[in-house]
PDB file of all heavy atoms in Angstrom:
ATOM      1  N   GLY A   1       0.860  -1.174  -0.016  1.00  0.00           N
ATOM      2  CA  GLY A   1      -0.013   0.009  -0.001  1.00  0.00           C
ATOM      3  C   GLY A   1       0.903   1.218  -0.008  1.00  0.00           C
ATOM      4  O   GLY A   1       1.845   1.306  -0.865  1.00  0.00           O
ATOM      5  N   ASN A   2       0.722   2.133   0.982  1.00  0.00           N
ATOM      6  CA  ASN A   2       1.547   3.298   1.039  1.00  0.00           C
ATOM      7  C   ASN A   2       2.581   3.165   2.183  1.00  0.00           C
ATOM      8  O   ASN A   2       3.249   4.146   2.458  1.00  0.00           O
ATOM      9  CB  ASN A   2       0.678   4.622   1.212  1.00  0.00           C
ATOM     10  CG  ASN A   2      -0.154   4.549   2.467  1.00  0.00           C
ATOM     11  OD1 ASN A   2      -0.150   3.534   3.203  1.00  0.00           O
ATOM     12  ND2 ASN A   2      -0.849   5.625   2.781  1.00  0.00           N
ATOM     13  N   LYS A   3       2.698   2.034   2.745  1.00  0.00           N
ATOM     14  CA  LYS A   3       3.685   1.872   3.869  1.00  0.00           C
ATOM     15  C   LYS A   3       4.885   1.038   3.416  1.00  0.00           C
ATOM     16  O   LYS A   3       4.730   0.013   2.706  1.00  0.00           O
ATOM     17  CB  LYS A   3       3.018   1.136   5.081  1.00  0.00           C
ATOM     18  CG  LYS A   3       1.964   1.995   5.739  1.00  0.00           C
ATOM     19  CD  LYS A   3       1.513   1.277   7.000  1.00  0.00           C
ATOM     20  CE  LYS A   3       0.527   2.198   7.728  1.00  0.00           C
ATOM     21  NZ  LYS A   3       0.112   1.621   8.990  1.00  0.00           N
ATOM     22  N   THR A   4       6.080   1.463   3.745  1.00  0.00           N
ATOM     23  CA  THR A   4       7.326   0.667   3.443  1.00  0.00           C
ATOM     24  C   THR A   4       7.281  -0.518   4.398  1.00  0.00           C
ATOM     25  O   THR A   4       7.161  -0.422   5.600  1.00  0.00           O
ATOM     26  CB  THR A   4       8.541   1.560   3.707  1.00  0.00           C
ATOM     27  OG1 THR A   4       8.467   2.689   2.870  1.00  0.00           O
ATOM     28  CG2 THR A   4       9.818   0.747   3.429  1.00  0.00           C
ATOM     29  N   CYS A   5       7.466  -1.701   3.731  1.00  0.00           N
ATOM     30  CA  CYS A   5       7.483  -2.983   4.516  1.00  0.00           C
ATOM     31  C   CYS A   5       8.829  -3.706   4.458  1.00  0.00           C
ATOM     32  O   CYS A   5       9.014  -4.636   5.173  1.00  0.00           O
ATOM     33  CB  CYS A   5       6.380  -3.907   4.070  1.00  0.00           C
ATOM     34  SG  CYS A   5       6.501  -4.276   2.278  1.00  0.00           S
ATOM     35  N   PHE A   6       9.731  -3.265   3.613  1.00  0.00           N
ATOM     36  CA  PHE A   6      11.013  -3.899   3.527  1.00  0.00           C
ATOM     37  C   PHE A   6      12.080  -2.872   3.092  1.00  0.00           C
ATOM     38  O   PHE A   6      11.826  -2.105   2.144  1.00  0.00           O
ATOM     39  CB  PHE A   6      10.958  -4.978   2.373  1.00  0.00           C
ATOM     40  CG  PHE A   6      12.246  -5.710   2.235  1.00  0.00           C
ATOM     41  CD1 PHE A   6      12.517  -6.880   2.898  1.00  0.00           C
ATOM     42  CD2 PHE A   6      13.162  -5.256   1.323  1.00  0.00           C
ATOM     43  CE1 PHE A   6      13.690  -7.578   2.831  1.00  0.00           C
ATOM     44  CE2 PHE A   6      14.399  -5.914   1.182  1.00  0.00           C
ATOM     45  CZ  PHE A   6      14.639  -7.101   1.881  1.00  0.00           C
ATOM     46  N   LEU A   7      13.173  -2.833   3.825  1.00  0.00           N
ATOM     47  CA  LEU A   7      14.275  -1.902   3.480  1.00  0.00           C
ATOM     48  C   LEU A   7      15.572  -2.724   3.410  1.00  0.00           C
ATOM     49  O   LEU A   7      15.847  -3.583   4.300  1.00  0.00           O
ATOM     50  CB  LEU A   7      14.468  -0.870   4.545  1.00  0.00           C
ATOM     51  CG  LEU A   7      13.316   0.111   4.715  1.00  0.00           C
ATOM     52  CD1 LEU A   7      13.497   0.935   5.998  1.00  0.00           C
ATOM     53  CD2 LEU A   7      13.247   1.080   3.489  1.00  0.00           C
ATOM     54  N   ALA A   8      16.391  -2.523   2.383  1.00  0.00           N
ATOM     55  CA  ALA A   8      17.693  -3.221   2.259  1.00  0.00           C
ATOM     56  C   ALA A   8      18.661  -2.232   1.661  1.00  0.00           C
ATOM     57  O   ALA A   8      18.374  -1.546   0.660  1.00  0.00           O
ATOM     58  CB  ALA A   8      17.541  -4.453   1.427  1.00  0.00           C
ATOM     59  N   THR A   9      19.884  -2.183   2.207  1.00  0.00           N
ATOM     60  CA  THR A   9      21.031  -1.570   1.628  1.00  0.00           C
ATOM     61  C   THR A   9      22.094  -2.660   1.554  1.00  0.00           C
ATOM     62  O   THR A   9      22.492  -3.225   2.581  1.00  0.00           O
ATOM     63  CB  THR A   9      21.563  -0.363   2.504  1.00  0.00           C
ATOM     64  OG1 THR A   9      20.495   0.544   2.690  1.00  0.00           O
ATOM     65  CG2 THR A   9      22.775   0.274   1.921  1.00  0.00           C
ATOM     66  N   VAL A  10      22.473  -3.010   0.310  1.00  0.00           N
ATOM     67  CA  VAL A  10      23.385  -4.129   0.155  1.00  0.00           C
ATOM     68  C   VAL A  10      24.187  -4.004  -1.111  1.00  0.00           C
ATOM     69  O   VAL A  10      23.655  -3.538  -2.101  1.00  0.00           O
ATOM     70  CB  VAL A  10      22.616  -5.434   0.194  1.00  0.00           C
ATOM     71  CG1 VAL A  10      21.582  -5.533  -0.910  1.00  0.00           C
ATOM     72  CG2 VAL A  10      23.473  -6.715   0.219  1.00  0.00           C
ATOM     73  N   GLY A  11      25.461  -4.494  -1.078  1.00  0.00           N
ATOM     74  CA  GLY A  11      26.224  -4.722  -2.262  1.00  0.00           C
ATOM     75  C   GLY A  11      26.177  -6.226  -2.434  1.00  0.00           C
ATOM     76  O   GLY A  11      26.397  -6.940  -1.440  1.00  0.00           O
ATOM     77  N   LEU A  12      25.984  -6.661  -3.646  1.00  0.00           N
ATOM     78  CA  LEU A  12      25.805  -8.066  -3.819  1.00  0.00           C
ATOM     79  C   LEU A  12      26.677  -8.558  -4.982  1.00  0.00           C
ATOM     80  O   LEU A  12      26.621  -8.029  -6.025  1.00  0.00           O
ATOM     81  CB  LEU A  12      24.341  -8.435  -4.119  1.00  0.00           C
ATOM     82  CG  LEU A  12      23.938  -9.875  -4.408  1.00  0.00           C
ATOM     83  CD1 LEU A  12      24.237 -10.751  -3.174  1.00  0.00           C
ATOM     84  CD2 LEU A  12      22.426  -9.936  -4.747  1.00  0.00           C
ATOM     85  N   GLN A  13      27.341  -9.680  -4.780  1.00  0.00           N
ATOM     86  CA  GLN A  13      28.255 -10.374  -5.704  1.00  0.00           C
ATOM     87  C   GLN A  13      27.909 -11.837  -5.729  1.00  0.00           C
ATOM     88  O   GLN A  13      27.805 -12.422  -4.698  1.00  0.00           O
ATOM     89  CB  GLN A  13      29.719 -10.124  -5.376  1.00  0.00           C
ATOM     90  CG  GLN A  13      30.672 -10.648  -6.390  1.00  0.00           C
ATOM     91  CD  GLN A  13      32.068 -10.361  -5.959  1.00  0.00           C
ATOM     92  OE1 GLN A  13      32.700 -11.089  -5.149  1.00  0.00           O
ATOM     93  NE2 GLN A  13      32.685  -9.302  -6.450  1.00  0.00           N
ATOM     94  N   LEU A  14      27.743 -12.354  -6.932  1.00  0.00           N
ATOM     95  CA  LEU A  14      27.460 -13.735  -7.137  1.00  0.00           C
ATOM     96  C   LEU A  14      28.731 -14.430  -7.765  1.00  0.00           C
ATOM     97  O   LEU A  14      29.293 -13.885  -8.679  1.00  0.00           O
ATOM     98  CB  LEU A  14      26.265 -13.977  -8.038  1.00  0.00           C
ATOM     99  CG  LEU A  14      24.991 -13.419  -7.588  1.00  0.00           C
ATOM    100  CD1 LEU A  14      23.892 -13.601  -8.650  1.00  0.00           C
ATOM    101  CD2 LEU A  14      24.548 -13.985  -6.286  1.00  0.00           C
ATOM    102  N   ASN A  15      29.159 -15.552  -7.207  1.00  0.00           N
ATOM    103  CA  ASN A  15      30.253 -16.310  -7.703  1.00  0.00           C
ATOM    104  C   ASN A  15      29.692 -17.645  -8.119  1.00  0.00           C
ATOM    105  O   ASN A  15      29.390 -18.482  -7.262  1.00  0.00           O
ATOM    106  CB  ASN A  15      31.348 -16.422  -6.679  1.00  0.00           C
ATOM    107  CG  ASN A  15      32.513 -17.108  -7.214  1.00  0.00           C
ATOM    108  OD1 ASN A  15      32.514 -17.854  -8.197  1.00  0.00           O
ATOM    109  ND2 ASN A  15      33.643 -16.914  -6.506  1.00  0.00           N
ATOM    110  N   VAL A  16      29.429 -17.850  -9.466  1.00  0.00           N
ATOM    111  CA  VAL A  16      28.846 -19.106  -9.917  1.00  0.00           C
ATOM    112  C   VAL A  16      29.945 -19.996 -10.478  1.00  0.00           C
ATOM    113  O   VAL A  16      30.689 -19.569 -11.342  1.00  0.00           O
ATOM    114  CB  VAL A  16      27.787 -18.781 -11.028  1.00  0.00           C
ATOM    115  CG1 VAL A  16      27.089 -20.087 -11.478  1.00  0.00           C
ATOM    116  CG2 VAL A  16      26.782 -17.753 -10.511  1.00  0.00           C
ATOM    117  N   SER A  17      30.031 -21.166 -10.023  1.00  0.00           N
ATOM    118  CA  SER A  17      31.038 -22.136 -10.452  1.00  0.00           C
ATOM    119  C   SER A  17      30.353 -23.301 -11.058  1.00  0.00           C
ATOM    120  O   SER A  17      30.117 -24.362 -10.460  1.00  0.00           O
ATOM    121  CB  SER A  17      31.936 -22.605  -9.351  1.00  0.00           C
ATOM    122  OG  SER A  17      32.548 -21.517  -8.744  1.00  0.00           O
ATOM    123  N   GLN A  18      29.979 -23.187 -12.308  1.00  0.00           N
ATOM    124  CA  GLN A  18      29.195 -24.232 -13.010  1.00  0.00           C
ATOM    125  C   GLN A  18      30.121 -24.783 -14.044  1.00  0.00           C
ATOM    126  O   GLN A  18      31.040 -25.562 -13.741  1.00  0.00           O
ATOM    127  CB  GLN A  18      27.926 -23.731 -13.624  1.00  0.00           C
ATOM    128  CG  GLN A  18      26.942 -24.805 -13.897  1.00  0.00           C
ATOM    129  CD  GLN A  18      25.558 -24.337 -14.061  1.00  0.00           C
ATOM    130  OE1 GLN A  18      25.349 -23.121 -14.270  1.00  0.00           O
ATOM    131  NE2 GLN A  18      24.576 -25.126 -14.048  1.00  0.00           N
ATOM    132  N   ASP A  19      29.961 -24.489 -15.353  1.00  0.00           N
ATOM    133  CA  ASP A  19      30.868 -24.940 -16.345  1.00  0.00           C
ATOM    134  C   ASP A  19      32.229 -24.230 -16.242  1.00  0.00           C
ATOM    135  O   ASP A  19      33.311 -24.817 -16.346  1.00  0.00           O
ATOM    136  CB  ASP A  19      30.288 -24.618 -17.783  1.00  0.00           C
ATOM    137  CG  ASP A  19      29.020 -25.458 -18.029  1.00  0.00           C
ATOM    138  OD1 ASP A  19      28.873 -26.537 -17.452  1.00  0.00           O
ATOM    139  OD2 ASP A  19      28.090 -24.920 -18.765  1.00  0.00           O
ATOM    140  N   LYS A  20      32.230 -22.926 -16.050  1.00  0.00           N
ATOM    141  CA  LYS A  20      33.375 -22.189 -15.829  1.00  0.00           C
ATOM    142  C   LYS A  20      33.011 -21.096 -14.770  1.00  0.00           C
ATOM    143  O   LYS A  20      31.862 -20.652 -14.668  1.00  0.00           O
ATOM    144  CB  LYS A  20      33.999 -21.511 -17.080  1.00  0.00           C
ATOM    145  CG  LYS A  20      33.003 -20.518 -17.722  1.00  0.00           C
ATOM    146  CD  LYS A  20      33.654 -19.883 -18.960  1.00  0.00           C
ATOM    147  CE  LYS A  20      32.728 -18.846 -19.517  1.00  0.00           C
ATOM    148  NZ  LYS A  20      33.255 -18.095 -20.612  1.00  0.00           N
ATOM    149  N   PRO A  21      33.969 -20.721 -13.967  1.00  0.00           N
ATOM    150  CA  PRO A  21      33.689 -19.719 -12.867  1.00  0.00           C
ATOM    151  C   PRO A  21      33.191 -18.396 -13.474  1.00  0.00           C
ATOM    152  O   PRO A  21      33.746 -17.942 -14.531  1.00  0.00           O
ATOM    153  CB  PRO A  21      35.027 -19.507 -12.161  1.00  0.00           C
ATOM    154  CG  PRO A  21      35.827 -20.727 -12.467  1.00  0.00           C
ATOM    155  CD  PRO A  21      35.384 -21.199 -13.869  1.00  0.00           C
ATOM    156  N   LEU A  22      32.161 -17.851 -12.869  1.00  0.00           N
ATOM    157  CA  LEU A  22      31.628 -16.613 -13.313  1.00  0.00           C
ATOM    158  C   LEU A  22      31.352 -15.677 -12.120  1.00  0.00           C
ATOM    159  O   LEU A  22      30.714 -16.097 -11.125  1.00  0.00           O
ATOM    160  CB  LEU A  22      30.265 -16.855 -14.031  1.00  0.00           C
ATOM    161  CG  LEU A  22      29.410 -15.615 -14.545  1.00  0.00           C
ATOM    162  CD1 LEU A  22      30.226 -14.877 -15.549  1.00  0.00           C
ATOM    163  CD2 LEU A  22      28.141 -16.072 -15.068  1.00  0.00           C
ATOM    164  N   LEU A  23      31.888 -14.520 -12.136  1.00  0.00           N
ATOM    165  CA  LEU A  23      31.728 -13.571 -11.042  1.00  0.00           C
ATOM    166  C   LEU A  23      30.856 -12.421 -11.547  1.00  0.00           C
ATOM    167  O   LEU A  23      31.120 -11.813 -12.529  1.00  0.00           O
ATOM    168  CB  LEU A  23      33.126 -13.020 -10.713  1.00  0.00           C
ATOM    169  CG  LEU A  23      33.219 -12.159  -9.417  1.00  0.00           C
ATOM    170  CD1 LEU A  23      32.994 -13.050  -8.232  1.00  0.00           C
ATOM    171  CD2 LEU A  23      34.625 -11.568  -9.381  1.00  0.00           C
ATOM    172  N   ILE A  24      29.786 -12.139 -10.790  1.00  0.00           N
ATOM    173  CA  ILE A  24      28.771 -11.142 -11.199  1.00  0.00           C
ATOM    174  C   ILE A  24      28.571 -10.192 -10.000  1.00  0.00           C
ATOM    175  O   ILE A  24      28.138 -10.591  -8.908  1.00  0.00           O
ATOM    176  CB  ILE A  24      27.402 -11.829 -11.509  1.00  0.00           C
ATOM    177  CG1 ILE A  24      27.554 -12.860 -12.594  1.00  0.00           C
ATOM    178  CG2 ILE A  24      26.383 -10.704 -11.934  1.00  0.00           C
ATOM    179  CD1 ILE A  24      26.326 -13.746 -12.748  1.00  0.00           C
ATOM    180  N   ASN A  25      28.891  -8.927 -10.274  1.00  0.00           N
ATOM    181  CA  ASN A  25      28.517  -7.853  -9.251  1.00  0.00           C
ATOM    182  C   ASN A  25      27.172  -7.341  -9.662  1.00  0.00           C
ATOM    183  O   ASN A  25      26.947  -6.903 -10.851  1.00  0.00           O
ATOM    184  CB  ASN A  25      29.512  -6.753  -9.237  1.00  0.00           C
ATOM    185  CG  ASN A  25      30.746  -7.088  -8.436  1.00  0.00           C
ATOM    186  OD1 ASN A  25      30.777  -8.016  -7.689  1.00  0.00           O
ATOM    187  ND2 ASN A  25      31.774  -6.264  -8.596  1.00  0.00           N
ATOM    188  N   ILE A  26      26.210  -7.327  -8.814  1.00  0.00           N
ATOM    189  CA  ILE A  26      24.835  -6.751  -9.096  1.00  0.00           C
ATOM    190  C   ILE A  26      25.064  -5.211  -9.083  1.00  0.00           C
ATOM    191  O   ILE A  26      25.491  -4.632  -8.046  1.00  0.00           O
ATOM    192  CB  ILE A  26      23.845  -7.223  -8.109  1.00  0.00           C
ATOM    193  CG1 ILE A  26      23.731  -8.795  -8.068  1.00  0.00           C
ATOM    194  CG2 ILE A  26      22.510  -6.556  -8.416  1.00  0.00           C
ATOM    195  CD1 ILE A  26      23.313  -9.340  -9.330  1.00  0.00           C
ATOM    196  N   ASN A  27      24.734  -4.577 -10.196  1.00  0.00           N
ATOM    197  CA  ASN A  27      24.883  -3.143 -10.284  1.00  0.00           C
ATOM    198  C   ASN A  27      23.506  -2.420  -9.871  1.00  0.00           C
ATOM    199  O   ASN A  27      22.543  -2.538 -10.514  1.00  0.00           O
ATOM    200  CB  ASN A  27      25.215  -2.746 -11.784  1.00  0.00           C
ATOM    201  CG  ASN A  27      25.430  -1.268 -11.951  1.00  0.00           C
ATOM    202  OD1 ASN A  27      25.172  -0.439 -11.089  1.00  0.00           O
ATOM    203  ND2 ASN A  27      25.827  -0.943 -13.112  1.00  0.00           N
TER     204      ASN A  27
END
């Protein structure tokens, strides 16, 4: 509605090691 129900401040990086390692910084 008009009320904030979730707040997050975060830097997030994913390191996926499947076929080849992949590093993803969420922009």
